Amino acid sequence: MKTRIVKLMAVTMSVALMSTSCATIFNGSKNDVKFDTSPSQASITITNKKGDVVYQGQTPTEVSLKTSSGFFGKEQYKIKYSKDGYQDRIVVLDSRVSGWYWGNILLGGVIGMLIVDPATGSMYSLKSEMETEQLVPSGGSTAQEMKIINYNDIDEEMKASLYRIY
C-alpha cells in the first residue's frame, strides 16, 4: 500500500513538473513600459505590428503592452512622439525571448515550452521598461551631442535609469 502511494505521488509530481511553464508563472503576457520625453508633454501614439493604435496620450506615461502577437509571434511596437516646435520622432520597441522561457528546459516543462508559454505570449518580454527620448527642435540640427556629466551631479531618478557598460 505504501509503495502504491509513493508511486502515485511520484507520477503526480512528474506530471506537474513536466507541465510547468516558467515564463507564464514569472513573466506574464504583458509588460508595463514607462515613456517620457525631454521636453515632456509630447503626444505619443503607439501602434502594434498590425498597425493598430494601442495607445494615444501624452508623456510621461506608463502603458501595459502585450509581448506577443500570437502563437510563437513576437510583438513589435512603433512609438511616435510629436510636439509643436519639435521634429517628430519614431522609435521601434521589440519583444525578445524571456529568460524565464528557458527555465522550462531546466524544469522539464515540455508542455510549458511548446504550448503554454507560446500560447499565452509569456515566452516574450519587451526590451525596455523605460523609454526616454530627446526631442529635437524643428529646424534644428539632427546631430546629437555628447555631454560628459559627473555621476555625483545627477539626481536620483536619473541614476536609477542608468545602465552599466563594461
C-alpha atoms as a PDB file:
ATOM      1  CA  MET A   1       0.000   0.000   0.000  1.00  0.00           C
ATOM      2  CA  LYS A   2       2.820   2.438   0.895  1.00  0.00           C
ATOM      3  CA  THR A   3       4.665   1.732  -2.364  1.00  0.00           C
ATOM      4  CA  ARG A   4       1.478   2.428  -4.311  1.00  0.00           C
ATOM      5  CA  ILE A   5       1.087   5.826  -2.599  1.00  0.00           C
ATOM      6  CA  VAL A   6       4.764   6.633  -3.205  1.00  0.00           C
ATOM      7  CA  LYS A   7       4.422   5.711  -6.898  1.00  0.00           C
ATOM      8  CA  LEU A   8       1.257   7.792  -7.213  1.00  0.00           C
ATOM      9  CA  MET A   9       2.994  10.778  -5.619  1.00  0.00           C
ATOM     10  CA  ALA A  10       5.998  10.336  -7.909  1.00  0.00           C
ATOM     11  CA  VAL A  11       3.794  10.222 -11.029  1.00  0.00           C
ATOM     12  CA  THR A  12       1.809  13.270  -9.842  1.00  0.00           C
ATOM     13  CA  MET A  13       4.995  15.251  -9.167  1.00  0.00           C
ATOM     14  CA  SER A  14       6.435  14.248 -12.546  1.00  0.00           C
ATOM     15  CA  VAL A  15       3.308  15.346 -14.425  1.00  0.00           C
ATOM     16  CA  ALA A  16       3.249  18.656 -12.524  1.00  0.00           C
ATOM     17  CA  LEU A  17       6.931  19.254 -13.261  1.00  0.00           C
ATOM     18  CA  MET A  18       6.587  18.339 -16.943  1.00  0.00           C
ATOM     19  CA  SER A  19       3.718  20.778 -17.456  1.00  0.00           C
ATOM     20  CA  THR A  20       5.340  23.824 -15.847  1.00  0.00           C
ATOM     21  CA  SER A  21       5.541  26.988 -17.851  1.00  0.00           C
ATOM     22  CA  CYS A  22       8.094  29.237 -16.195  1.00  0.00           C
ATOM     23  CA  ALA A  23       7.518  32.362 -18.274  1.00  0.00           C
ATOM     24  CA  THR A  24       3.757  32.274 -17.733  1.00  0.00           C
ATOM     25  CA  ILE A  25       4.249  31.982 -13.985  1.00  0.00           C
ATOM     26  CA  PHE A  26       7.041  34.571 -13.596  1.00  0.00           C
ATOM     27  CA  ASN A  27       6.767  36.877 -16.623  1.00  0.00           C
ATOM     28  CA  GLY A  28       3.124  37.268 -17.632  1.00  0.00           C
ATOM     29  CA  SER A  29       1.922  38.189 -21.112  1.00  0.00           C
ATOM     30  CA  LYS A  30       2.160  41.987 -20.692  1.00  0.00           C
ATOM     31  CA  ASN A  31       4.918  44.367 -19.629  1.00  0.00           C
ATOM     32  CA  ASP A  32       4.475  47.835 -18.153  1.00  0.00           C
ATOM     33  CA  VAL A  33       6.665  50.342 -20.002  1.00  0.00           C
ATOM     34  CA  LYS A  34       7.226  53.961 -18.963  1.00  0.00           C
ATOM     35  CA  PHE A  35       7.525  56.548 -21.734  1.00  0.00           C
ATOM     36  CA  ASP A  36       8.930  60.053 -21.302  1.00  0.00           C
ATOM     37  CA  THR A  37      10.384  62.812 -23.434  1.00  0.00           C
ATOM     38  CA  SER A  38      12.562  65.818 -22.983  1.00  0.00           C
ATOM     39  CA  PRO A  39      10.761  68.187 -23.091  1.00  0.00           C
ATOM     40  CA  SER A  40       7.783  66.430 -21.542  1.00  0.00           C
ATOM     41  CA  GLN A  41       4.105  66.732 -22.524  1.00  0.00           C
ATOM     42  CA  ALA A  42       4.726  65.395 -26.036  1.00  0.00           C
ATOM     43  CA  SER A  43       1.961  63.490 -27.811  1.00  0.00           C
ATOM     44  CA  ILE A  44       2.623  59.768 -28.002  1.00  0.00           C
ATOM     45  CA  THR A  45       0.985  57.234 -30.316  1.00  0.00           C
ATOM     46  CA  ILE A  46       1.819  53.529 -30.015  1.00  0.00           C
ATOM     47  CA  THR A  47       0.935  51.118 -32.839  1.00  0.00           C
ATOM     48  CA  ASN A  48       1.416  47.355 -32.863  1.00  0.00           C
ATOM     49  CA  LYS A  49       2.835  45.141 -35.624  1.00  0.00           C
ATOM     50  CA  LYS A  50      -0.535  45.096 -37.438  1.00  0.00           C
ATOM     51  CA  GLY A  51      -0.680  48.904 -37.451  1.00  0.00           C
ATOM     52  CA  ASP A  52      -3.454  49.124 -34.862  1.00  0.00           C
ATOM     53  CA  VAL A  53      -3.213  52.060 -32.445  1.00  0.00           C
ATOM     54  CA  VAL A  54      -2.924  50.573 -28.952  1.00  0.00           C
ATOM     55  CA  TYR A  55      -2.348  53.829 -27.053  1.00  0.00           C
ATOM     56  CA  GLN A  56      -2.571  57.589 -27.526  1.00  0.00           C
ATOM     57  CA  GLY A  57      -1.744  60.138 -24.873  1.00  0.00           C
ATOM     58  CA  GLN A  58       0.972  62.433 -23.551  1.00  0.00           C
ATOM     59  CA  THR A  59       4.321  61.880 -21.908  1.00  0.00           C
ATOM     60  CA  PRO A  60       5.176  60.984 -19.242  1.00  0.00           C
ATOM     61  CA  THR A  61       3.001  57.880 -19.168  1.00  0.00           C
ATOM     62  CA  GLU A  62       3.060  54.178 -18.351  1.00  0.00           C
ATOM     63  CA  VAL A  63       1.453  51.671 -20.717  1.00  0.00           C
ATOM     64  CA  SER A  64       0.822  47.928 -20.338  1.00  0.00           C
ATOM     65  CA  LEU A  65       1.830  46.306 -23.653  1.00  0.00           C
ATOM     66  CA  LYS A  66       1.357  42.737 -24.876  1.00  0.00           C
ATOM     67  CA  THR A  67       4.622  40.948 -25.563  1.00  0.00           C
ATOM     68  CA  SER A  68       3.265  38.586 -28.221  1.00  0.00           C
ATOM     69  CA  SER A  69       1.363  38.923 -31.484  1.00  0.00           C
ATOM     70  CA  GLY A  70       0.124  35.340 -31.413  1.00  0.00           C
ATOM     71  CA  PHE A  71       1.373  31.767 -31.042  1.00  0.00           C
ATOM     72  CA  PHE A  72       5.208  31.930 -31.282  1.00  0.00           C
ATOM     73  CA  GLY A  73       4.869  35.520 -32.569  1.00  0.00           C
ATOM     74  CA  LYS A  74       6.912  38.429 -31.210  1.00  0.00           C
ATOM     75  CA  GLU A  75       5.155  41.772 -30.938  1.00  0.00           C
ATOM     76  CA  GLN A  76       6.726  44.957 -32.222  1.00  0.00           C
ATOM     77  CA  TYR A  77       5.591  48.492 -31.466  1.00  0.00           C
ATOM     78  CA  LYS A  78       6.218  51.803 -33.213  1.00  0.00           C
ATOM     79  CA  ILE A  79       6.184  54.721 -30.832  1.00  0.00           C
ATOM     80  CA  LYS A  80       5.651  58.139 -32.406  1.00  0.00           C
ATOM     81  CA  TYR A  81       6.440  61.226 -30.360  1.00  0.00           C
ATOM     82  CA  SER A  82       5.316  64.655 -31.555  1.00  0.00           C
ATOM     83  CA  LYS A  83       5.255  68.133 -30.052  1.00  0.00           C
ATOM     84  CA  ASP A  84       4.714  71.574 -31.556  1.00  0.00           C
ATOM     85  CA  GLY A  85       8.057  73.182 -32.376  1.00  0.00           C
ATOM     86  CA  TYR A  86       9.886  69.806 -32.414  1.00  0.00           C
ATOM     87  CA  GLN A  87      10.610  67.172 -35.031  1.00  0.00           C
ATOM     88  CA  ASP A  88       8.517  64.003 -34.861  1.00  0.00           C
ATOM     89  CA  ARG A  89      10.440  61.005 -33.569  1.00  0.00           C
ATOM     90  CA  ILE A  90       9.588  57.356 -34.259  1.00  0.00           C
ATOM     91  CA  VAL A  91      11.139  54.576 -32.185  1.00  0.00           C
ATOM     92  CA  VAL A  92      10.678  50.799 -32.527  1.00  0.00           C
ATOM     93  CA  LEU A  93      10.230  48.633 -29.430  1.00  0.00           C
ATOM     94  CA  ASP A  94      10.704  44.886 -29.987  1.00  0.00           C
ATOM     95  CA  SER A  95       9.904  41.815 -27.932  1.00  0.00           C
ATOM     96  CA  ARG A  96      12.580  39.239 -27.189  1.00  0.00           C
ATOM     97  CA  VAL A  97      12.563  35.728 -25.776  1.00  0.00           C
ATOM     98  CA  SER A  98      12.305  35.899 -21.997  1.00  0.00           C
ATOM     99  CA  GLY A  99      14.940  34.279 -19.820  1.00  0.00           C
ATOM    100  CA  TRP A 100      12.151  32.598 -17.857  1.00  0.00           C
ATOM    101  CA  TYR A 101      11.124  30.747 -21.019  1.00  0.00           C
ATOM    102  CA  TRP A 102      14.414  28.831 -20.941  1.00  0.00           C
ATOM    103  CA  GLY A 103      13.615  27.753 -17.371  1.00  0.00           C
ATOM    104  CA  ASN A 104      11.226  25.249 -18.966  1.00  0.00           C
ATOM    105  CA  ILE A 105      14.244  23.258 -20.192  1.00  0.00           C
ATOM    106  CA  LEU A 106      15.744  23.134 -16.714  1.00  0.00           C
ATOM    107  CA  LEU A 107      12.493  22.081 -15.078  1.00  0.00           C
ATOM    108  CA  GLY A 108      11.460  19.672 -17.797  1.00  0.00           C
ATOM    109  CA  GLY A 109       8.413  21.721 -18.762  1.00  0.00           C
ATOM    110  CA  VAL A 110       7.997  20.453 -22.322  1.00  0.00           C
ATOM    111  CA  ILE A 111       4.295  21.341 -22.368  1.00  0.00           C
ATOM    112  CA  GLY A 112       5.086  24.765 -20.953  1.00  0.00           C
ATOM    113  CA  MET A 113       7.815  25.343 -23.523  1.00  0.00           C
ATOM    114  CA  LEU A 114       5.925  24.196 -26.613  1.00  0.00           C
ATOM    115  CA  ILE A 115       2.325  25.068 -25.770  1.00  0.00           C
ATOM    116  CA  VAL A 116       1.562  27.182 -22.678  1.00  0.00           C
ATOM    117  CA  ASP A 117       4.204  29.938 -22.872  1.00  0.00           C
ATOM    118  CA  PRO A 118       3.905  30.442 -26.675  1.00  0.00           C
ATOM    119  CA  ALA A 119       0.078  30.448 -26.489  1.00  0.00           C
ATOM    120  CA  THR A 120      -0.093  32.982 -23.653  1.00  0.00           C
ATOM    121  CA  GLY A 121       2.669  35.167 -25.105  1.00  0.00           C
ATOM    122  CA  SER A 122       4.670  34.837 -21.911  1.00  0.00           C
ATOM    123  CA  MET A 123       7.686  33.445 -23.709  1.00  0.00           C
ATOM    124  CA  TYR A 124       8.496  37.050 -24.720  1.00  0.00           C
ATOM    125  CA  SER A 125       9.296  40.223 -22.829  1.00  0.00           C
ATOM    126  CA  LEU A 126       9.840  43.754 -24.062  1.00  0.00           C
ATOM    127  CA  LYS A 127      13.414  45.012 -24.356  1.00  0.00           C
ATOM    128  CA  SER A 128      12.834  48.022 -22.132  1.00  0.00           C
ATOM    129  CA  GLU A 129      10.911  49.015 -19.038  1.00  0.00           C
ATOM    130  CA  MET A 130      11.548  52.709 -19.666  1.00  0.00           C
ATOM    131  CA  GLU A 131      11.860  54.703 -22.883  1.00  0.00           C
ATOM    132  CA  THR A 132      13.075  58.301 -22.656  1.00  0.00           C
ATOM    133  CA  GLU A 133      13.505  60.278 -25.865  1.00  0.00           C
ATOM    134  CA  GLN A 134      15.199  63.619 -26.512  1.00  0.00           C
ATOM    135  CA  LEU A 135      13.125  65.656 -28.971  1.00  0.00           C
ATOM    136  CA  VAL A 136      14.963  67.892 -31.462  1.00  0.00           C
ATOM    137  CA  PRO A 137      13.613  71.410 -32.124  1.00  0.00           C
ATOM    138  CA  SER A 138      12.169  71.970 -35.620  1.00  0.00           C
ATOM    139  CA  GLY A 139      14.726  73.489 -37.951  1.00  0.00           C
ATOM    140  CA  GLY A 140      17.424  72.472 -35.502  1.00  0.00           C
ATOM    141  CA  SER A 141      20.311  70.181 -36.146  1.00  0.00           C
ATOM    142  CA  THR A 142      19.660  66.452 -36.079  1.00  0.00           C
ATOM    143  CA  ALA A 143      23.231  65.918 -34.952  1.00  0.00           C
ATOM    144  CA  GLN A 144      23.314  64.615 -31.426  1.00  0.00           C
ATOM    145  CA  GLU A 145      25.774  65.918 -28.930  1.00  0.00           C
ATOM    146  CA  MET A 146      27.502  64.080 -26.151  1.00  0.00           C
ATOM    147  CA  LYS A 147      27.817  65.627 -22.740  1.00  0.00           C
ATOM    148  CA  ILE A 148      30.025  64.235 -20.036  1.00  0.00           C
ATOM    149  CA  ILE A 149      28.437  64.700 -16.643  1.00  0.00           C
ATOM    150  CA  ASN A 150      29.829  63.769 -13.268  1.00  0.00           C
ATOM    151  CA  TYR A 151      27.800  60.936 -11.702  1.00  0.00           C
ATOM    152  CA  ASN A 152      27.541  62.911  -8.457  1.00  0.00           C
ATOM    153  CA  ASP A 153      25.881  65.846 -10.287  1.00  0.00           C
ATOM    154  CA  ILE A 154      22.762  63.955 -11.436  1.00  0.00           C
ATOM    155  CA  ASP A 155      19.556  63.365  -9.484  1.00  0.00           C
ATOM    156  CA  GLU A 156      18.462  60.031  -8.005  1.00  0.00           C
ATOM    157  CA  GLU A 157      15.780  59.419 -10.648  1.00  0.00           C
ATOM    158  CA  MET A 158      18.372  59.692 -13.423  1.00  0.00           C
ATOM    159  CA  LYS A 159      20.786  57.422 -11.512  1.00  0.00           C
ATOM    160  CA  ALA A 160      18.056  54.766 -11.286  1.00  0.00           C
ATOM    161  CA  SER A 161      17.723  54.692 -15.088  1.00  0.00           C
ATOM    162  CA  LEU A 162      21.440  54.259 -15.831  1.00  0.00           C
ATOM    163  CA  TYR A 163      22.924  51.048 -17.216  1.00  0.00           C
ATOM    164  CA  ARG A 164      26.438  49.836 -16.535  1.00  0.00           C
ATOM    165  CA  ILE A 165      28.539  49.363 -19.681  1.00  0.00           C
ATOM    166  CA  TYR A 166      31.508  47.062 -19.474  1.00  0.00           C
END
